[in-house]
Amino acid sequence: MDQDQIATWLYEGAVALQEGNREQALELLLRVVEADETNEEGWLWLSGAVDDIDDQRTALQNVLAINPLNHHARYGLEVLSGQ
């Protein structure tokens, strides 16, 4: 997959999420992580686009599998765990 296309999907997905268009964000961000399973930012943004807590947790765990030092993902998991 073309990295420029993945970057475009990531950008457009992040913008859609920030604008409150979760459906469009979800569609675009799923494309990102399906095309590049190691896309740390894609997983992180996806964690904010999904509604299910288990899906959020999975996305954040994927971020940490890619980068164990990602403080945003660590914080997100702490919030989900109620800490």
Protein backbone atom coordinates (compact mmCIF):
# COMPACT_ATOMS: atom_id res chain seq x y z
CA MET A 1 0.00 0.00 0.00
CA ASP A 2 1.15 3.50 -0.84
CA GLN A 3 2.36 5.31 2.31
CA ASP A 4 1.02 8.61 0.98
CA GLN A 5 -2.48 7.10 0.76
CA ILE A 6 -2.19 5.75 4.31
CA ALA A 7 -1.06 9.17 5.54
CA THR A 8 -4.04 10.79 3.81
CA TRP A 9 -6.47 8.34 5.40
CA LEU A 10 -4.86 8.94 8.79
CA TYR A 11 -5.10 12.72 8.46
CA GLU A 12 -8.68 12.65 7.17
CA GLY A 13 -9.68 10.16 9.86
CA ALA A 14 -8.20 12.29 12.63
CA VAL A 15 -9.93 15.40 11.28
CA ALA A 16 -13.24 13.57 11.00
CA LEU A 17 -12.95 12.38 14.59
CA GLN A 18 -12.12 15.87 15.84
CA GLU A 19 -15.14 17.21 13.96
CA GLY A 20 -17.39 14.61 15.58
CA ASN A 21 -17.92 12.48 12.49
CA ARG A 22 -17.15 9.16 14.17
CA GLU A 23 -18.58 7.00 11.38
CA GLN A 24 -16.31 8.52 8.73
CA ALA A 25 -13.37 8.51 11.15
CA LEU A 26 -13.89 4.84 11.92
CA GLU A 27 -14.01 3.92 8.24
CA LEU A 28 -10.82 5.83 7.42
CA LEU A 29 -8.86 4.72 10.47
CA LEU A 30 -9.77 1.08 9.91
CA ARG A 31 -8.33 1.44 6.41
CA VAL A 32 -5.11 2.75 7.95
CA VAL A 33 -4.58 -0.14 10.37
CA GLU A 34 -5.69 -2.75 7.83
CA ALA A 35 -3.15 -1.42 5.34
CA ASP A 36 -0.40 -1.01 7.96
CA GLU A 37 -0.83 -2.99 11.17
CA THR A 38 2.21 -1.23 12.66
CA ASN A 39 0.79 2.27 12.29
CA GLU A 40 1.02 3.56 15.86
CA GLU A 41 -0.91 6.76 15.23
CA GLY A 42 -3.61 4.90 13.34
CA TRP A 43 -4.27 2.62 16.30
CA LEU A 44 -4.20 5.53 18.73
CA TRP A 45 -6.74 7.56 16.76
CA LEU A 46 -8.82 4.42 16.21
CA SER A 47 -9.06 3.96 19.98
CA GLY A 48 -11.00 7.24 20.06
CA ALA A 49 -13.24 6.34 17.14
CA VAL A 50 -14.60 3.03 18.43
CA ASP A 51 -17.45 2.90 20.95
CA ASP A 52 -16.84 -0.46 22.58
CA ILE A 53 -14.52 -0.41 25.60
CA ASP A 54 -12.96 -3.74 24.62
CA ASP A 55 -12.22 -2.36 21.14
CA GLN A 56 -10.70 0.75 22.71
CA ARG A 57 -8.54 -1.42 24.96
CA THR A 58 -7.43 -3.58 22.02
CA ALA A 59 -6.46 -0.53 19.96
CA LEU A 60 -4.46 0.94 22.85
CA GLN A 61 -2.75 -2.39 23.50
CA ASN A 62 -1.77 -2.49 19.83
CA VAL A 63 -0.21 0.96 20.22
CA LEU A 64 1.85 -0.32 23.16
CA ALA A 65 2.86 -3.43 21.24
CA ILE A 66 4.32 -1.11 18.61
CA ASN A 67 5.74 1.43 21.07
CA PRO A 68 5.77 0.42 24.74
CA LEU A 69 6.72 3.99 25.69
CA ASN A 70 3.63 5.67 24.22
CA HIS A 71 2.32 7.66 27.17
CA HIS A 72 -1.02 8.47 25.49
CA ALA A 73 -1.84 4.77 25.17
CA ARG A 74 -0.72 4.05 28.73
CA TYR A 75 -2.90 6.87 30.03
CA GLY A 76 -5.85 5.67 27.95
CA LEU A 77 -5.58 2.17 29.39
CA GLU A 78 -5.39 3.59 32.91
CA VAL A 79 -8.57 5.59 32.29
CA LEU A 80 -10.33 2.51 30.91
CA SER A 81 -9.25 0.54 33.97
CA GLY A 82 -10.63 3.24 36.26
CA GLN A 83 -7.28 4.13 37.80
